[in-house]
N, C-alpha and C. Protein backbone atom coordinates (compact mmCIF):
# COMPACT_ATOMS: atom_id res chain seq x y z
N MET A 1 0.68 -1.68 0.20
CA MET A 1 0.31 0.19 -0.13
C MET A 1 0.97 1.30 -0.16
N SER A 2 0.72 2.53 -0.84
CA SER A 2 1.87 3.58 -1.36
C SER A 2 0.32 4.74 -0.37
N PHE A 3 1.28 5.37 0.02
CA PHE A 3 0.50 7.04 0.39
C PHE A 3 1.04 8.10 -0.36
N GLY A 4 -0.05 9.33 -0.50
CA GLY A 4 0.48 10.01 -0.95
C GLY A 4 0.11 10.20 -2.61
N LYS A 5 1.30 11.26 -3.40
CA LYS A 5 1.32 11.54 -5.04
C LYS A 5 1.40 10.08 -5.79
N ARG A 6 0.74 9.61 -6.60
CA ARG A 6 1.76 8.62 -7.50
C ARG A 6 2.58 9.36 -7.97
N THR A 7 3.94 9.14 -9.05
CA THR A 7 5.20 8.98 -9.39
C THR A 7 4.87 7.93 -10.55
N TYR A 8 4.69 8.23 -11.75
CA TYR A 8 4.81 7.47 -12.70
C TYR A 8 6.54 7.06 -13.53
N GLN A 9 6.61 6.53 -13.60
CA GLN A 9 8.32 5.04 -13.53
C GLN A 9 8.72 6.29 -14.90
N GLY A 10 10.16 6.60 -14.78
CA GLY A 10 10.87 7.22 -15.63
C GLY A 10 10.32 9.22 -16.19
N GLN A 11 9.23 8.89 -15.62
CA GLN A 11 8.99 10.93 -15.76
C GLN A 11 8.47 11.23 -14.20
N PRO A 12 9.39 11.47 -13.13
CA PRO A 12 8.24 11.67 -11.52
C PRO A 12 8.48 12.93 -11.45
N PHE A 13 8.74 13.98 -12.59
CA PHE A 13 8.01 14.70 -12.29
C PHE A 13 7.15 15.86 -14.07
N LEU A 14 6.36 14.95 -14.30
CA LEU A 14 6.10 15.12 -15.83
C LEU A 14 5.62 16.49 -15.20
N ASN A 15 5.33 17.05 -16.38
CA ASN A 15 4.89 18.71 -15.94
C ASN A 15 3.60 18.69 -17.17
N ARG A 16 2.09 19.19 -16.35
CA ARG A 16 1.00 18.52 -16.93
C ARG A 16 0.35 20.40 -17.61
N ARG A 17 1.53 21.09 -17.45
CA ARG A 17 0.69 22.46 -17.68
C ARG A 17 0.42 22.16 -19.46
N ARG A 18 -0.52 23.09 -19.60
CA ARG A 18 -0.87 23.21 -21.18
C ARG A 18 -0.06 24.59 -21.67
N SER A 19 0.66 25.23 -21.04
CA SER A 19 1.44 26.33 -21.19
C SER A 19 2.77 26.64 -20.22
N VAL A 20 3.40 26.93 -21.20
CA VAL A 20 4.45 27.39 -20.20
C VAL A 20 4.63 28.41 -18.95
N ARG A 21 4.91 28.35 -17.74
CA ARG A 21 4.60 29.48 -16.80
C ARG A 21 5.60 30.32 -16.99
N ARG A 22 6.08 31.42 -16.68
CA ARG A 22 6.79 32.36 -16.45
C ARG A 22 6.86 33.35 -15.47
N LYS A 23 7.86 33.52 -14.79
CA LYS A 23 7.85 34.70 -13.88
C LYS A 23 8.02 35.86 -13.88
N CYS A 24 7.52 36.13 -13.55
CA CYS A 24 7.09 37.78 -13.71
C CYS A 24 7.26 39.13 -12.41
N ASN A 25 6.71 38.91 -11.37
CA ASN A 25 6.57 39.73 -10.26
C ASN A 25 6.57 41.43 -10.88
N VAL A 26 4.76 41.31 -11.50
CA VAL A 26 5.00 42.80 -11.91
C VAL A 26 2.97 43.01 -11.27
N GLU A 27 3.56 44.39 -10.41
CA GLU A 27 2.23 44.65 -10.55
C GLU A 27 0.65 45.37 -11.55
N GLY A 28 -0.31 44.61 -10.75
CA GLY A 28 -1.51 44.60 -11.53
C GLY A 28 -3.15 45.04 -10.63
N GLU A 29 -3.82 45.02 -10.96
CA GLU A 29 -4.81 45.60 -10.27
C GLU A 29 -5.59 44.58 -10.66
N ILE A 30 -7.07 43.97 -9.34
CA ILE A 30 -8.04 43.25 -9.67
C ILE A 30 -9.09 44.02 -9.53
N LEU A 31 -9.90 44.25 -11.38
CA LEU A 31 -11.08 45.34 -11.76
C LEU A 31 -12.50 44.13 -11.43
N SER A 32 -13.79 44.87 -10.55
CA SER A 32 -14.61 43.81 -10.01
C SER A 32 -15.66 45.04 -10.33
N PRO A 33 -16.66 45.04 -11.12
CA PRO A 33 -17.73 45.67 -11.32
C PRO A 33 -18.48 46.41 -10.36
N GLY A 34 -18.31 47.85 -10.06
CA GLY A 34 -18.65 48.20 -8.54
C GLY A 34 -18.07 48.67 -7.52
N LEU A 35 -17.13 47.66 -7.41
CA LEU A 35 -16.01 48.12 -6.74
C LEU A 35 -14.58 48.91 -7.16
N PRO A 36 -14.51 49.05 -5.70
CA PRO A 36 -12.45 50.39 -6.12
C PRO A 36 -11.35 48.74 -6.95
N PRO A 37 -10.46 49.24 -7.60
CA PRO A 37 -9.36 48.14 -8.03
C PRO A 37 -8.72 47.63 -6.74
N ARG A 38 -8.38 46.65 -7.18
CA ARG A 38 -7.34 45.89 -6.05
C ARG A 38 -6.60 45.81 -5.86
N PRO A 39 -5.37 45.87 -5.35
CA PRO A 39 -3.65 45.60 -6.27
C PRO A 39 -3.25 44.34 -5.47
N CYS A 40 -2.61 43.81 -6.73
CA CYS A 40 -2.05 42.46 -6.24
C CYS A 40 -0.67 42.61 -7.02
N ARG A 41 -0.46 41.38 -7.29
CA ARG A 41 1.10 41.05 -7.48
C ARG A 41 0.67 39.96 -8.38
N VAL A 42 1.39 39.69 -9.71
CA VAL A 42 1.44 38.46 -10.71
C VAL A 42 2.88 38.26 -10.76
N ALA A 43 2.92 36.77 -10.01
CA ALA A 43 3.69 36.61 -9.48
C ALA A 43 4.57 35.48 -10.95
N ASP A 44 3.31 35.21 -11.43
CA ASP A 44 4.13 34.42 -12.73
C ASP A 44 2.58 34.68 -14.03
N ILE A 45 2.85 34.18 -14.92
CA ILE A 45 1.64 34.33 -15.74
C ILE A 45 2.12 32.74 -17.19
N SER A 46 1.36 32.57 -18.01
CA SER A 46 1.38 31.47 -18.62
C SER A 46 0.33 32.14 -19.87
N ASP A 47 -0.01 31.59 -21.16
CA ASP A 47 -0.96 31.84 -22.16
C ASP A 47 -1.85 31.56 -21.49
N THR A 48 -2.39 30.69 -20.86
CA THR A 48 -3.77 30.18 -20.19
C THR A 48 -4.29 30.82 -19.08
N GLY A 49 -3.38 31.39 -17.98
CA GLY A 49 -2.91 31.98 -16.75
C GLY A 49 -2.08 32.58 -16.11
N ALA A 50 -3.07 32.46 -15.13
CA ALA A 50 -1.68 33.35 -13.57
C ALA A 50 -1.34 32.58 -11.96
N ARG A 51 -0.75 33.32 -11.24
CA ARG A 51 -0.59 33.51 -9.91
C ARG A 51 -0.98 34.64 -9.50
N LEU A 52 -1.81 35.36 -8.50
CA LEU A 52 -1.72 36.41 -8.11
C LEU A 52 -2.00 36.18 -6.56
N GLU A 53 -0.65 37.16 -6.24
CA GLU A 53 -0.06 37.61 -4.44
C GLU A 53 -1.29 38.44 -4.61
N LEU A 54 -1.97 38.35 -3.01
CA LEU A 54 -2.64 39.85 -2.73
C LEU A 54 -2.43 39.87 -1.40
N GLY A 55 -3.49 41.01 -0.48
CA GLY A 55 -2.76 41.04 0.78
C GLY A 55 -3.62 39.78 1.28
N SER A 56 -4.82 40.21 0.66
CA SER A 56 -6.24 39.25 1.40
C SER A 56 -7.70 38.42 -0.04
N GLY A 57 -7.48 37.03 0.16
CA GLY A 57 -8.57 37.08 -0.96
C GLY A 57 -9.83 37.17 -0.80
N PHE A 58 -10.28 37.99 -0.16
CA PHE A 58 -11.60 37.83 0.75
C PHE A 58 -12.08 39.01 0.04
N GLY A 59 -13.47 38.46 -0.55
CA GLY A 59 -14.64 39.40 -1.28
C GLY A 59 -13.76 39.24 -2.47
N ILE A 60 -13.40 38.81 -3.23
CA ILE A 60 -12.94 38.38 -4.61
C ILE A 60 -14.23 37.98 -5.35
N ALA A 61 -14.70 38.58 -6.70
CA ALA A 61 -15.92 36.99 -7.32
C ALA A 61 -15.41 36.21 -7.72
N ASP A 62 -15.54 35.36 -8.46
CA ASP A 62 -15.58 33.99 -8.74
C ASP A 62 -14.78 34.38 -10.26
N VAL A 63 -15.27 35.59 -10.77
CA VAL A 63 -15.11 35.81 -12.48
C VAL A 63 -14.66 37.54 -12.12
N PHE A 64 -13.92 37.57 -12.57
CA PHE A 64 -13.07 39.67 -12.50
C PHE A 64 -12.33 39.53 -13.84
N GLU A 65 -11.88 41.05 -14.17
CA GLU A 65 -11.01 41.15 -15.05
C GLU A 65 -9.52 41.41 -14.39
N LEU A 66 -8.50 41.64 -14.84
CA LEU A 66 -7.06 42.03 -14.37
C LEU A 66 -6.71 42.54 -14.72
N ARG A 67 -6.16 43.87 -14.76
CA ARG A 67 -5.17 45.12 -15.60
C ARG A 67 -3.97 44.94 -14.98
N ALA A 68 -2.90 44.18 -16.35
CA ALA A 68 -1.24 43.95 -15.94
C ALA A 68 -0.66 44.28 -17.32
N PHE A 69 0.41 44.93 -17.05
CA PHE A 69 0.93 44.68 -18.72
C PHE A 69 0.46 45.55 -19.32
N GLY A 70 -0.26 46.59 -19.19
CA GLY A 70 -0.73 47.43 -19.79
C GLY A 70 -2.10 47.15 -20.42
N ASN A 71 -2.72 45.52 -20.42
CA ASN A 71 -3.55 44.79 -21.51
C ASN A 71 -4.58 44.63 -19.88
N ILE A 72 -5.31 43.68 -20.41
CA ILE A 72 -6.92 44.04 -19.10
C ILE A 72 -7.22 42.49 -20.19
N TYR A 73 -7.70 41.43 -19.02
CA TYR A 73 -7.60 39.78 -19.39
C TYR A 73 -8.59 39.84 -18.03
N SER A 74 -9.97 38.91 -19.03
CA SER A 74 -10.76 38.71 -18.21
C SER A 74 -10.50 37.28 -17.23
N ALA A 75 -11.07 36.88 -16.12
CA ALA A 75 -9.96 35.54 -15.45
C ALA A 75 -11.27 35.14 -15.16
N ARG A 76 -11.36 33.65 -14.06
CA ARG A 76 -11.90 33.31 -13.21
C ARG A 76 -10.88 32.32 -12.01
N ILE A 77 -11.08 32.63 -10.98
CA ILE A 77 -10.18 31.76 -10.06
C ILE A 77 -10.77 30.30 -10.78
N VAL A 78 -9.47 29.70 -10.31
CA VAL A 78 -9.77 28.17 -10.52
C VAL A 78 -9.36 27.09 -8.88
N ARG A 79 -7.84 28.04 -8.35
CA ARG A 79 -7.90 28.07 -7.24
C ARG A 79 -8.02 29.27 -6.14
N ARG A 80 -8.67 28.83 -5.02
CA ARG A 80 -7.97 30.04 -4.15
C ARG A 80 -7.24 29.70 -2.62
N PHE A 81 -6.23 30.27 -2.41
CA PHE A 81 -5.85 29.79 -0.84
C PHE A 81 -5.80 31.34 -0.45
N SER A 82 -5.22 31.78 1.00
CA SER A 82 -5.89 32.54 1.63
C SER A 82 -5.10 33.98 1.23
N ARG A 83 -4.01 33.82 0.27
CA ARG A 83 -3.47 34.71 -0.09
C ARG A 83 -2.86 35.05 -1.27
N THR A 84 -3.11 33.96 -2.34
CA THR A 84 -2.92 33.52 -3.67
C THR A 84 -3.89 33.29 -4.58
N LEU A 85 -4.18 33.75 -5.25
CA LEU A 85 -5.14 32.80 -6.68
C LEU A 85 -4.41 32.34 -7.33
N PHE A 86 -4.96 31.63 -7.91
CA PHE A 86 -4.47 30.55 -9.65
C PHE A 86 -5.92 31.20 -10.23
N ILE A 87 -5.81 31.96 -11.57
CA ILE A 87 -6.73 32.16 -12.84
C ILE A 87 -6.53 31.87 -13.76
N GLU A 88 -7.80 31.50 -14.17
CA GLU A 88 -7.20 31.11 -16.12
C GLU A 88 -8.38 32.36 -17.00
N PHE A 89 -7.34 32.31 -17.51
CA PHE A 89 -7.80 33.88 -18.67
C PHE A 89 -9.27 32.99 -19.91
N THR A 90 -10.56 33.95 -19.81
CA THR A 90 -11.49 33.52 -20.09
C THR A 90 -11.13 34.16 -21.97
C-alpha cells in the first residue's frame, strides 16, 4: 500500500501544464464591477492563466478582470488560498 501522490516510472516530475509559465513579479489590479480596483502582484503568468498574490483574497468574485502589462484580461478563479489566487484567462 502506498500513500501520497503517485509518480510515474521514468517521468517522476512530469509537467502537465498546457503552456509554460514565466515568473514576472509585476504589479496589477483586480477589477470588479461596482468595487474599487484591488492591487495585486502577478507572480507568474502563462498563455492560459496566472498566479496572483495579494493582501487578502476575501471578497473577490469568482469572475473578474485583471489589469496588468498595459492590458485587461478576463479571468476566473481556479484555485484560491488565503493570499494566493490561481486564475485562468477566459
